[in-house]
C-alpha atoms as a PDB file:
ATOM      1  CA  MET A   1      -1.071  -0.875 -16.095  1.00  0.00           C
ATOM      2  CA  LYS A   2       0.632  -0.957 -12.753  1.00  0.00           C
ATOM      3  CA  ARG A   3      -1.674  -2.209 -10.030  1.00  0.00           C
ATOM      4  CA  SER A   4      -1.127  -1.454  -6.380  1.00  0.00           C
ATOM      5  CA  VAL A   5      -3.292  -2.150  -3.366  1.00  0.00           C
ATOM      6  CA  LEU A   6      -4.471   0.599  -1.092  1.00  0.00           C
ATOM      7  CA  ARG A   7      -3.668   0.385   2.561  1.00  0.00           C
ATOM      8  CA  GLY A   8      -5.137   2.031   5.607  1.00  0.00           C
ATOM      9  CA  GLY A   9      -4.080   1.197   9.123  1.00  0.00           C
ATOM     10  CA  ILE A  10      -4.549   1.648  12.812  1.00  0.00           C
ATOM     11  CA  LEU A  11      -2.101   2.363  15.556  1.00  0.00           C
ATOM     12  CA  PRO A  12      -0.533  -0.647  17.266  1.00  0.00           C
ATOM     13  CA  ALA A  13      -2.399  -1.830  20.352  1.00  0.00           C
ATOM     14  CA  SER A  14       0.537  -0.835  22.535  1.00  0.00           C
ATOM     15  CA  LEU A  15       0.195   2.792  21.469  1.00  0.00           C
ATOM     16  CA  LEU A  16      -3.547   2.788  21.992  1.00  0.00           C
ATOM     17  CA  ILE A  17      -3.089   1.480  25.508  1.00  0.00           C
ATOM     18  CA  LEU A  18      -0.456   4.105  26.292  1.00  0.00           C
ATOM     19  CA  SER A  19      -2.586   6.875  24.796  1.00  0.00           C
ATOM     20  CA  SER A  20      -4.416   7.175  28.104  1.00  0.00           C
ATOM     21  CA  ALA A  21      -1.401   9.174  29.266  1.00  0.00           C
ATOM     22  CA  VAL A  22      -2.251  12.468  27.578  1.00  0.00           C
ATOM     23  CA  TYR A  23      -1.862  16.154  28.187  1.00  0.00           C
ATOM     24  CA  PRO A  24      -4.867  18.133  26.875  1.00  0.00           C
ATOM     25  CA  GLN A  25      -4.738  21.519  25.204  1.00  0.00           C
ATOM     26  CA  GLN A  26      -7.941  23.452  24.608  1.00  0.00           C
ATOM     27  CA  THR A  27      -8.255  24.634  20.989  1.00  0.00           C
ATOM     28  CA  GLY A  28     -11.506  26.328  20.054  1.00  0.00           C
ATOM     29  CA  ASN A  29     -14.432  24.016  20.798  1.00  0.00           C
ATOM     30  CA  LEU A  30     -12.307  20.870  20.798  1.00  0.00           C
ATOM     31  CA  THR A  31     -10.229  19.187  23.437  1.00  0.00           C
ATOM     32  CA  PHE A  32      -6.967  18.263  21.721  1.00  0.00           C
ATOM     33  CA  THR A  33      -5.075  15.373  23.294  1.00  0.00           C
ATOM     34  CA  SER A  34      -1.592  14.350  22.199  1.00  0.00           C
ATOM     35  CA  PRO A  35      -0.437  10.975  23.604  1.00  0.00           C
ATOM     36  CA  LYS A  36       3.169  10.831  24.780  1.00  0.00           C
ATOM     37  CA  ALA A  37       3.455   7.371  23.231  1.00  0.00           C
ATOM     38  CA  VAL A  38       2.998   8.817  19.737  1.00  0.00           C
ATOM     39  CA  GLY A  39       5.514  11.667  20.025  1.00  0.00           C
ATOM     40  CA  GLN A  40       5.296  14.624  17.664  1.00  0.00           C
ATOM     41  CA  SER A  41       2.085  15.752  16.016  1.00  0.00           C
ATOM     42  CA  ILE A  42       1.274  15.089  12.354  1.00  0.00           C
ATOM     43  CA  GLY A  43      -0.593  18.328  11.711  1.00  0.00           C
ATOM     44  CA  THR A  44      -2.265  21.408  13.114  1.00  0.00           C
ATOM     45  CA  LEU A  45      -5.754  22.130  14.380  1.00  0.00           C
ATOM     46  CA  THR A  46      -7.071  25.666  13.851  1.00  0.00           C
ATOM     47  CA  ASN A  47     -10.656  26.675  14.630  1.00  0.00           C
ATOM     48  CA  GLY A  48     -11.779  23.076  14.402  1.00  0.00           C
ATOM     49  CA  ARG A  49     -10.057  22.359  11.078  1.00  0.00           C
ATOM     50  CA  PHE A  50      -7.220  19.830  10.913  1.00  0.00           C
ATOM     51  CA  HIS A  51      -4.369  20.223   8.392  1.00  0.00           C
ATOM     52  CA  HIS A  52      -2.107  17.219   7.770  1.00  0.00           C
ATOM     53  CA  THR A  53       1.439  18.484   7.327  1.00  0.00           C
ATOM     54  CA  LEU A  54       2.789  15.754   5.047  1.00  0.00           C
ATOM     55  CA  THR A  55      -0.020  15.492   2.471  1.00  0.00           C
ATOM     56  CA  GLY A  56      -1.871  18.789   2.884  1.00  0.00           C
ATOM     57  CA  THR A  57      -5.130  16.912   3.515  1.00  0.00           C
ATOM     58  CA  GLU A  58      -7.629  18.964   5.511  1.00  0.00           C
ATOM     59  CA  PHE A  59     -10.963  18.285   7.194  1.00  0.00           C
ATOM     60  CA  SER A  60     -13.144  19.860   9.846  1.00  0.00           C
ATOM     61  CA  ILE A  61     -13.974  18.210  13.164  1.00  0.00           C
ATOM     62  CA  PRO A  62     -17.342  19.457  14.452  1.00  0.00           C
ATOM     63  CA  THR A  63     -18.053  20.421  18.031  1.00  0.00           C
ATOM     64  CA  GLY A  64     -18.601  17.356  20.194  1.00  0.00           C
ATOM     65  CA  TRP A  65     -15.709  15.354  18.755  1.00  0.00           C
ATOM     66  CA  THR A  66     -12.461  14.884  20.694  1.00  0.00           C
ATOM     67  CA  ILE A  67      -9.101  14.091  19.118  1.00  0.00           C
ATOM     68  CA  LYS A  68      -7.668  11.085  20.978  1.00  0.00           C
ATOM     69  CA  TYR A  69      -4.286  10.420  19.339  1.00  0.00           C
ATOM     70  CA  GLN A  70      -2.139  11.132  16.302  1.00  0.00           C
ATOM     71  CA  GLY A  71       1.120   9.778  14.930  1.00  0.00           C
ATOM     72  CA  GLN A  72       2.788   7.186  12.717  1.00  0.00           C
ATOM     73  CA  SER A  73       0.710   4.203  11.630  1.00  0.00           C
ATOM     74  CA  SER A  74       0.928   1.075   9.496  1.00  0.00           C
ATOM     75  CA  GLY A  75       1.876   1.095   5.821  1.00  0.00           C
ATOM     76  CA  ASN A  76       4.101   4.160   6.253  1.00  0.00           C
ATOM     77  CA  GLY A  77       1.005   6.264   6.823  1.00  0.00           C
ATOM     78  CA  GLU A  78       0.075   8.754   9.519  1.00  0.00           C
ATOM     79  CA  GLN A  79      -3.150   8.605  11.477  1.00  0.00           C
ATOM     80  CA  ILE A  80      -5.339  10.752  13.692  1.00  0.00           C
ATOM     81  CA  GLY A  81      -8.054   9.203  15.853  1.00  0.00           C
ATOM     82  CA  PHE A  82     -11.055  10.949  17.319  1.00  0.00           C
ATOM     83  CA  ALA A  83     -14.314  10.120  19.065  1.00  0.00           C
ATOM     84  CA  TYR A  84     -17.827  11.418  19.526  1.00  0.00           C
ATOM     85  CA  ALA A  85     -19.053  11.070  23.098  1.00  0.00           C
ATOM     86  CA  GLY A  86     -22.691  10.765  22.073  1.00  0.00           C
ATOM     87  CA  ASP A  87     -25.861  12.701  22.814  1.00  0.00           C
ATOM     88  CA  SER A  88     -29.632  12.186  22.796  1.00  0.00           C
ATOM     89  CA  SER A  89     -29.713  11.655  19.026  1.00  0.00           C
ATOM     90  CA  THR A  90     -26.370   9.990  18.250  1.00  0.00           C
ATOM     91  CA  PRO A  91     -24.496   7.155  19.991  1.00  0.00           C
ATOM     92  CA  PRO A  92     -20.766   7.207  20.818  1.00  0.00           C
ATOM     93  CA  ILE A  93     -18.513   6.805  17.763  1.00  0.00           C
ATOM     94  CA  ASP A  94     -14.832   5.890  17.379  1.00  0.00           C
ATOM     95  CA  ALA A  95     -13.185   6.980  14.123  1.00  0.00           C
ATOM     96  CA  PHE A  96      -9.830   7.679  12.537  1.00  0.00           C
ATOM     97  CA  VAL A  97      -8.304   9.174   9.384  1.00  0.00           C
ATOM     98  CA  TRP A  98      -5.203   7.543   7.845  1.00  0.00           C
ATOM     99  CA  MET A  99      -3.180   9.518   5.263  1.00  0.00           C
ATOM    100  CA  ARG A 100      -0.155   8.861   3.085  1.00  0.00           C
ATOM    101  CA  ALA A 101       1.586  10.575   0.178  1.00  0.00           C
ATOM    102  CA  GLU A 102       1.203   8.059  -2.664  1.00  0.00           C
ATOM    103  CA  PRO A 103       1.540   8.665  -6.436  1.00  0.00           C
ATOM    104  CA  HIS A 104      -1.097   7.341  -8.853  1.00  0.00           C
ATOM    105  CA  THR A 105      -1.999   7.831 -12.475  1.00  0.00           C
ATOM    106  CA  PRO A 106      -5.640   8.801 -13.105  1.00  0.00           C
ATOM    107  CA  ASP A 107      -6.473   5.511 -14.820  1.00  0.00           C
ATOM    108  CA  GLU A 108      -5.195   3.490 -11.830  1.00  0.00           C
ATOM    109  CA  ILE A 109      -7.434   5.113  -9.234  1.00  0.00           C
ATOM    110  CA  PRO A 110     -10.841   3.430  -9.906  1.00  0.00           C
ATOM    111  CA  ASP A 111      -9.323  -0.056  -9.805  1.00  0.00           C
ATOM    112  CA  GLN A 112      -7.361   0.735  -6.674  1.00  0.00           C
ATOM    113  CA  LEU A 113     -10.486   1.918  -4.897  1.00  0.00           C
ATOM    114  CA  ARG A 114     -12.312  -1.290  -5.788  1.00  0.00           C
ATOM    115  CA  SER A 115      -9.322  -3.400  -4.695  1.00  0.00           C
ATOM    116  CA  ALA A 116      -9.279  -1.703  -1.296  1.00  0.00           C
ATOM    117  CA  VAL A 117     -12.521  -3.432  -0.266  1.00  0.00           C
ATOM    118  CA  ASP A 118     -11.161  -6.964  -0.658  1.00  0.00           C
ATOM    119  CA  TYR A 119      -7.791  -5.977   0.791  1.00  0.00           C
ATOM    120  CA  LYS A 120      -9.414  -4.615   3.946  1.00  0.00           C
ATOM    121  CA  ALA A 121     -11.618  -7.708   4.262  1.00  0.00           C
ATOM    122  CA  GLY A 122      -8.465  -9.821   4.221  1.00  0.00           C
ATOM    123  CA  MET A 123      -6.993  -7.739   7.027  1.00  0.00           C
ATOM    124  CA  ARG A 124     -10.066  -8.463   9.147  1.00  0.00           C
ATOM    125  CA  GLU A 125      -9.889 -12.255   8.885  1.00  0.00           C
ATOM    126  CA  GLY A 126     -10.316 -13.698  12.344  1.00  0.00           C
ATOM    127  CA  MET A 127     -12.769 -11.072  13.563  1.00  0.00           C
ATOM    128  CA  PRO A 128     -16.002 -12.878  14.558  1.00  0.00           C
ATOM    129  CA  GLY A 129     -18.621 -12.684  11.826  1.00  0.00           C
ATOM    130  CA  TYR A 130     -16.727 -10.088   9.759  1.00  0.00           C
ATOM    131  CA  LYS A 131     -18.290  -9.543   6.344  1.00  0.00           C
ATOM    132  CA  MET A 132     -18.060  -6.766   3.780  1.00  0.00           C
ATOM    133  CA  LEU A 133     -21.580  -5.719   2.774  1.00  0.00           C
ATOM    134  CA  LYS A 134     -20.822  -5.151  -0.897  1.00  0.00           C
ATOM    135  CA  SER A 135     -24.406  -4.134  -1.608  1.00  0.00           C
ATOM    136  CA  THR A 136     -23.611  -0.948   0.351  1.00  0.00           C
ATOM    137  CA  ILE A 137     -20.688   0.103  -1.884  1.00  0.00           C
ATOM    138  CA  GLU A 138     -21.094   3.727  -2.904  1.00  0.00           C
ATOM    139  CA  ASN A 139     -18.914   5.509  -5.433  1.00  0.00           C
ATOM    140  CA  LYS A 140     -18.639   9.183  -4.563  1.00  0.00           C
ATOM    141  CA  THR A 141     -16.265  12.115  -4.369  1.00  0.00           C
ATOM    142  CA  VAL A 142     -14.518  13.196  -1.166  1.00  0.00           C
ATOM    143  CA  GLY A 143     -12.411  16.325  -1.041  1.00  0.00           C
ATOM    144  CA  GLY A 144     -12.712  16.713  -4.782  1.00  0.00           C
ATOM    145  CA  GLN A 145     -11.319  13.231  -5.487  1.00  0.00           C
ATOM    146  CA  LEU A 146     -12.749   9.865  -6.481  1.00  0.00           C
ATOM    147  CA  ALA A 147     -13.812   7.896  -3.404  1.00  0.00           C
ATOM    148  CA  LEU A 148     -15.578   4.727  -2.364  1.00  0.00           C
ATOM    149  CA  SER A 149     -17.491   3.863   0.813  1.00  0.00           C
ATOM    150  CA  VAL A 150     -18.674   0.486   2.087  1.00  0.00           C
ATOM    151  CA  GLN A 151     -20.115  -0.956   5.288  1.00  0.00           C
ATOM    152  CA  ALA A 152     -18.929  -4.140   6.979  1.00  0.00           C
ATOM    153  CA  GLN A 153     -20.512  -6.055   9.841  1.00  0.00           C
ATOM    154  CA  PHE A 154     -18.915  -8.017  12.665  1.00  0.00           C
ATOM    155  CA  GLU A 155     -19.620  -9.069  16.248  1.00  0.00           C
ATOM    156  CA  GLU A 156     -18.082  -7.669  19.389  1.00  0.00           C
ATOM    157  CA  ASN A 157     -19.084  -9.163  22.749  1.00  0.00           C
ATOM    158  CA  ARG A 158     -22.125 -10.687  21.015  1.00  0.00           C
ATOM    159  CA  VAL A 159     -23.241  -7.284  19.745  1.00  0.00           C
ATOM    160  CA  ARG A 160     -23.534  -6.709  16.019  1.00  0.00           C
ATOM    161  CA  MET A 161     -21.312  -3.850  14.914  1.00  0.00           C
ATOM    162  CA  ILE A 162     -20.809  -1.852  11.713  1.00  0.00           C
ATOM    163  CA  GLU A 163     -17.444  -0.677  10.429  1.00  0.00           C
ATOM    164  CA  TYR A 164     -17.862   2.175   7.941  1.00  0.00           C
ATOM    165  CA  HIS A 165     -14.970   2.465   5.458  1.00  0.00           C
ATOM    166  CA  THR A 166     -14.211   5.306   3.045  1.00  0.00           C
ATOM    167  CA  TRP A 167     -11.205   5.591   0.726  1.00  0.00           C
ATOM    168  CA  ALA A 168     -10.354   8.712  -1.277  1.00  0.00           C
ATOM    169  CA  THR A 169      -7.450   8.877  -3.713  1.00  0.00           C
ATOM    170  CA  SER A 170      -5.836  11.609  -5.782  1.00  0.00           C
ATOM    171  CA  GLU A 171      -2.789  11.506  -8.045  1.00  0.00           C
ATOM    172  CA  LYS A 172      -0.556  12.075  -5.010  1.00  0.00           C
ATOM    173  CA  THR A 173      -2.520  11.301  -1.840  1.00  0.00           C
ATOM    174  CA  HIS A 174      -4.304   8.316  -0.315  1.00  0.00           C
ATOM    175  CA  VAL A 175      -6.813   8.865   2.496  1.00  0.00           C
ATOM    176  CA  TYR A 176      -8.702   6.203   4.450  1.00  0.00           C
ATOM    177  CA  VAL A 177     -11.471   6.991   6.950  1.00  0.00           C
ATOM    178  CA  SER A 178     -12.922   4.364   9.276  1.00  0.00           C
ATOM    179  CA  ALA A 179     -15.560   4.409  12.007  1.00  0.00           C
ATOM    180  CA  ARG A 180     -17.122   1.744  14.227  1.00  0.00           C
ATOM    181  CA  VAL A 181     -20.523   1.788  15.912  1.00  0.00           C
ATOM    182  CA  ARG A 182     -23.265  -0.616  16.978  1.00  0.00           C
ATOM    183  CA  ALA A 183     -25.338  -1.746  13.990  1.00  0.00           C
ATOM    184  CA  ALA A 184     -28.561  -0.571  15.604  1.00  0.00           C
ATOM    185  CA  ASP A 185     -27.102   2.925  15.913  1.00  0.00           C
ATOM    186  CA  PHE A 186     -25.473   3.130  12.504  1.00  0.00           C
ATOM    187  CA  PRO A 187     -27.888   5.461  10.631  1.00  0.00           C
ATOM    188  CA  ALA A 188     -27.352   8.340  13.072  1.00  0.00           C
ATOM    189  CA  ALA A 189     -23.620   7.658  13.250  1.00  0.00           C
ATOM    190  CA  GLN A 190     -23.289   7.570   9.467  1.00  0.00           C
ATOM    191  CA  ALA A 191     -24.807  11.039   9.257  1.00  0.00           C
ATOM    192  CA  ARG A 192     -22.114  12.324  11.656  1.00  0.00           C
ATOM    193  CA  ILE A 193     -19.277  10.723   9.673  1.00  0.00           C
ATOM    194  CA  ASP A 194     -20.663  11.916   6.343  1.00  0.00           C
ATOM    195  CA  GLN A 195     -20.802  15.429   7.792  1.00  0.00           C
ATOM    196  CA  ILE A 196     -17.022  15.248   8.295  1.00  0.00           C
ATOM    197  CA  LEU A 197     -16.408  13.656   4.883  1.00  0.00           C
ATOM    198  CA  ARG A 198     -18.117  16.597   3.198  1.00  0.00           C
ATOM    199  CA  THR A 199     -15.499  18.951   4.671  1.00  0.00           C
ATOM    200  CA  PHE A 200     -12.438  17.151   3.262  1.00  0.00           C
ATOM    201  CA  LEU A 201      -9.841  18.658   0.974  1.00  0.00           C
ATOM    202  CA  VAL A 202      -7.605  15.978  -0.572  1.00  0.00           C
ATOM    203  CA  PRO A 203      -4.751  17.491  -2.644  1.00  0.00           C
END
């Protein structure tokens, strides 16, 4: 059986720095921002629902979230980043969705999802205190496809943080969702991310 490793990426630091130069467009209840550094968009946003042009992946972005950037990313994928500003019940959250057209056979998918955890841990080598919390692995479905979620912990400016990973894979699409938040605030943040995950359609 052919074995491949899943990949999910983030925009290069140079693009994230340049993404402060944006021109907002109001769309429904969301403020859509498209950074000049990224160039053309990777999808459309209609009534709070994002449609990824290349893969057909869709998900809803609830009121209170702001799209921060979109464009090409690592591993030949495309990525859209968004943030929740926070309110009295939920802290600020930074998140992104990475998507790529990628063929799989049905029997490959479970092993690929499991492999993604160790692969991502390897990518995080060098981050202070980074550790995958494998006791938090949860097998689920996202957008009608097999999926896996796991939490990881690390330190940022002496504050313990949680990175919440979710991979979903179909026979033709690979989706990776990631969010970061302070560990003390994670339960409320997880509920917000899971709310978005429940709206996914993964072709």
